[in-house]
Amino acid sequence: MKNEKPLFFEEERFNQKWNLFLITPVCTAFILFQCYSLYSQLVWKKPVGSDPLSDTWLIILSFIVIPLMIFLIWLFYVMTLTVKVDSEKIFIRFYPIMKREILVSDISTFEKKEFNPIIDFGGWGLRYSIRWKTTGYIMKGKVGVHIHLKSGKNLLISSERANELYRVLKEITEKPRK
């Protein structure tokens, strides 16, 4: 059913305090230091550090570091995890990185599960747990729905509304298929 209203919809963003007080200042510090190093070495002719890079390597490094830091700041501000569930599929979008659809008929089992993002998955984002052999879509919180597919693959979707996501999946998987 193409235009079916989702039974579950959630959109989460990286808006934790550490994003504002760690990622942005650290990336900004790298940019400012790189700009200072360029200006000091190329304009004032005073290289930074005890073993400075050549002018060429400093320029090359700047063309890598500055855009990379700007990209990381941008990425953490736009990254969004969207989960939509209808009677036929689960749609997961980790903007701007990937999107995935899982047919309800491909689900073997699932359970609500508590996890530690750092210990179990090495952090937040699109992650893989070697211990659980599971792809994690982790944005916030420490609770999600752990889905085991008939193919043998596993995924964990973190959710601030994990109880509701679990309940909706239970309803649609127990419903007799036509």
Protein backbone atom coordinates (compact mmCIF):
# COMPACT_ATOMS: atom_id res chain seq x y z
CA MET A 1 0.00 0.00 0.00
CA LYS A 2 1.85 3.01 -1.32
CA ASN A 3 0.31 5.94 0.57
CA GLU A 4 -0.55 4.11 3.77
CA LYS A 5 -0.23 6.23 6.91
CA PRO A 6 2.69 4.95 9.02
CA LEU A 7 1.78 2.93 12.09
CA PHE A 8 4.97 4.25 13.68
CA PHE A 9 7.03 7.31 12.79
CA GLU A 10 10.01 8.73 14.64
CA GLU A 11 12.68 11.20 13.65
CA GLU A 12 15.69 11.75 15.90
CA ARG A 13 18.58 14.19 15.54
CA PHE A 14 22.00 14.54 17.12
CA ASN A 15 21.19 17.34 19.52
CA GLN A 16 22.97 16.05 22.57
CA LYS A 17 24.93 18.59 24.56
CA TRP A 18 28.26 16.91 23.72
CA ASN A 19 27.63 17.71 20.06
CA LEU A 20 27.36 21.40 20.82
CA PHE A 21 30.13 21.50 23.44
CA LEU A 22 32.62 18.97 22.02
CA ILE A 23 32.34 18.27 18.28
CA THR A 24 31.85 21.86 17.11
CA PRO A 25 34.54 23.44 19.34
CA VAL A 26 37.10 20.72 18.57
CA CYS A 27 36.53 20.96 14.81
CA THR A 28 36.57 24.77 15.00
CA ALA A 29 39.86 24.65 16.95
CA PHE A 30 41.40 22.47 14.21
CA ILE A 31 40.25 24.95 11.55
CA LEU A 32 41.57 27.96 13.47
CA PHE A 33 44.91 26.28 14.17
CA GLN A 34 45.28 25.31 10.52
CA CYS A 35 44.49 28.88 9.42
CA TYR A 36 46.92 30.28 12.00
CA SER A 37 49.64 27.85 10.83
CA LEU A 38 49.10 28.83 7.19
CA TYR A 39 49.17 32.56 7.93
CA SER A 40 52.16 32.30 10.27
CA GLN A 41 54.27 30.24 7.88
CA LEU A 42 53.28 31.76 4.54
CA VAL A 43 52.80 35.44 5.47
CA TRP A 44 54.93 36.01 8.59
CA LYS A 45 57.53 33.39 7.51
CA LYS A 46 57.42 31.93 11.05
CA PRO A 47 56.77 28.18 10.89
CA VAL A 48 54.78 26.66 13.77
CA GLY A 49 56.35 23.86 15.83
CA SER A 50 59.84 22.42 16.22
CA ASP A 51 59.67 20.31 13.04
CA PRO A 52 57.35 22.27 10.70
CA LEU A 53 55.96 21.02 7.42
CA SER A 54 57.15 22.46 4.15
CA ASP A 55 54.92 25.15 2.63
CA THR A 56 53.65 22.67 0.04
CA TRP A 57 52.69 20.02 2.61
CA LEU A 58 51.11 22.61 4.88
CA ILE A 59 48.90 23.80 2.01
CA ILE A 60 48.01 20.21 1.04
CA LEU A 61 47.17 19.38 4.67
CA SER A 62 45.02 22.51 4.91
CA PHE A 63 43.05 21.48 1.83
CA ILE A 64 42.28 18.23 3.65
CA VAL A 65 41.80 19.31 7.28
CA ILE A 66 39.68 22.44 6.82
CA PRO A 67 37.04 20.89 4.50
CA LEU A 68 36.98 17.71 6.63
CA MET A 69 36.30 19.67 9.83
CA ILE A 70 33.60 21.75 8.11
CA PHE A 71 32.06 18.52 6.80
CA LEU A 72 32.05 16.96 10.29
CA ILE A 73 30.36 20.01 11.84
CA TRP A 74 27.76 19.97 9.05
CA LEU A 75 27.24 16.20 9.34
CA PHE A 76 26.52 16.31 13.07
CA TYR A 77 24.00 19.10 12.57
CA VAL A 78 22.07 17.48 9.70
CA MET A 79 22.29 13.79 10.64
CA THR A 80 18.82 12.37 11.23
CA LEU A 81 17.51 8.90 12.00
CA THR A 82 14.02 8.37 10.59
CA VAL A 83 12.07 5.19 11.27
CA LYS A 84 8.71 4.53 9.61
CA VAL A 85 6.73 1.35 10.00
CA ASP A 86 3.68 0.40 7.98
CA SER A 87 1.90 -2.93 7.64
CA GLU A 88 4.40 -4.20 5.05
CA LYS A 89 7.82 -2.78 5.88
CA ILE A 90 10.18 -0.90 8.15
CA PHE A 91 11.84 2.08 6.49
CA ILE A 92 15.08 3.30 8.09
CA ARG A 93 16.85 6.40 6.88
CA PHE A 94 20.10 7.60 8.39
CA TYR A 95 20.33 10.91 6.55
CA PRO A 96 22.59 11.71 4.72
CA ILE A 97 24.36 8.34 4.82
CA MET A 98 21.94 5.58 3.91
CA LYS A 99 18.40 4.27 3.72
CA ARG A 100 17.08 0.75 4.08
CA GLU A 101 13.75 -1.06 3.84
CA ILE A 102 13.01 -4.28 5.67
CA LEU A 103 9.96 -6.28 4.74
CA VAL A 104 7.92 -7.45 7.72
CA SER A 105 7.84 -10.89 6.11
CA ASP A 106 11.68 -11.02 6.38
CA ILE A 107 11.62 -10.69 10.19
CA SER A 108 12.32 -13.87 12.13
CA THR A 109 12.15 -12.54 15.70
CA PHE A 110 12.65 -9.30 17.59
CA GLU A 111 12.84 -8.04 21.13
CA LYS A 112 13.13 -4.80 23.00
CA LYS A 113 16.69 -4.51 24.23
CA GLU A 114 18.74 -2.25 26.48
CA PHE A 115 22.25 -1.52 25.29
CA ASN A 116 25.19 0.74 25.96
CA PRO A 117 26.02 2.71 22.79
CA ILE A 118 29.71 3.02 23.64
CA ILE A 119 30.40 -0.46 25.05
CA ASP A 120 28.15 -2.47 22.71
CA PHE A 121 28.53 -0.47 19.48
CA GLY A 122 31.50 1.85 19.96
CA GLY A 123 29.34 4.97 19.90
CA TRP A 124 26.41 6.55 18.11
CA GLY A 125 25.52 6.60 14.44
CA LEU A 126 25.49 3.77 11.91
CA ARG A 127 27.52 1.16 13.78
CA TYR A 128 28.30 -2.55 13.85
CA SER A 129 28.61 -4.67 16.99
CA ILE A 130 30.99 -7.59 16.59
CA ARG A 131 29.78 -9.00 19.92
CA TRP A 132 26.12 -8.97 18.87
CA LYS A 133 26.80 -9.43 15.12
CA THR A 134 24.34 -6.60 14.63
CA THR A 135 24.13 -3.40 12.60
CA GLY A 136 23.04 -0.58 14.89
CA TYR A 137 21.12 2.52 13.92
CA ILE A 138 21.80 4.49 17.07
CA MET A 139 20.92 8.11 17.62
CA LYS A 140 19.78 8.54 21.23
CA GLY A 141 18.99 6.57 24.30
CA LYS A 142 19.93 3.13 25.51
CA VAL A 143 16.88 1.15 24.45
CA GLY A 144 15.93 -0.14 21.04
CA VAL A 145 14.36 -2.98 19.13
CA HIS A 146 16.74 -5.79 18.16
CA ILE A 147 15.48 -7.44 14.96
CA HIS A 148 16.66 -10.83 13.73
CA LEU A 149 16.04 -11.41 10.03
CA LYS A 150 15.40 -14.75 8.36
CA SER A 151 18.59 -14.17 6.35
CA GLY A 152 20.60 -14.42 9.58
CA LYS A 153 21.39 -10.69 9.70
CA ASN A 154 20.52 -8.61 12.76
CA LEU A 155 19.83 -4.95 13.35
CA LEU A 156 19.12 -2.74 16.30
CA ILE A 157 17.07 0.43 15.95
CA SER A 158 17.47 2.81 18.87
CA SER A 159 14.34 4.69 19.76
CA GLU A 160 13.13 7.11 22.39
CA ARG A 161 9.80 5.31 21.93
CA ALA A 162 11.09 1.72 21.90
CA ASN A 163 7.99 0.39 23.69
CA GLU A 164 5.73 1.77 20.97
CA LEU A 165 7.99 0.53 18.16
CA TYR A 166 8.05 -2.95 19.73
CA ARG A 167 4.25 -2.93 20.16
CA VAL A 168 3.64 -1.91 16.52
CA LEU A 169 6.03 -4.60 15.24
CA LYS A 170 4.33 -7.19 17.45
CA GLU A 171 0.90 -6.22 16.07
CA ILE A 172 1.91 -6.39 12.41
CA THR A 173 3.96 -9.58 12.70
CA GLU A 174 1.17 -11.43 14.53
CA LYS A 175 -1.46 -10.29 12.04
CA PRO A 176 -2.35 -13.09 9.60
CA ARG A 177 -0.79 -12.46 6.16
CA LYS A 178 -2.97 -12.51 3.06
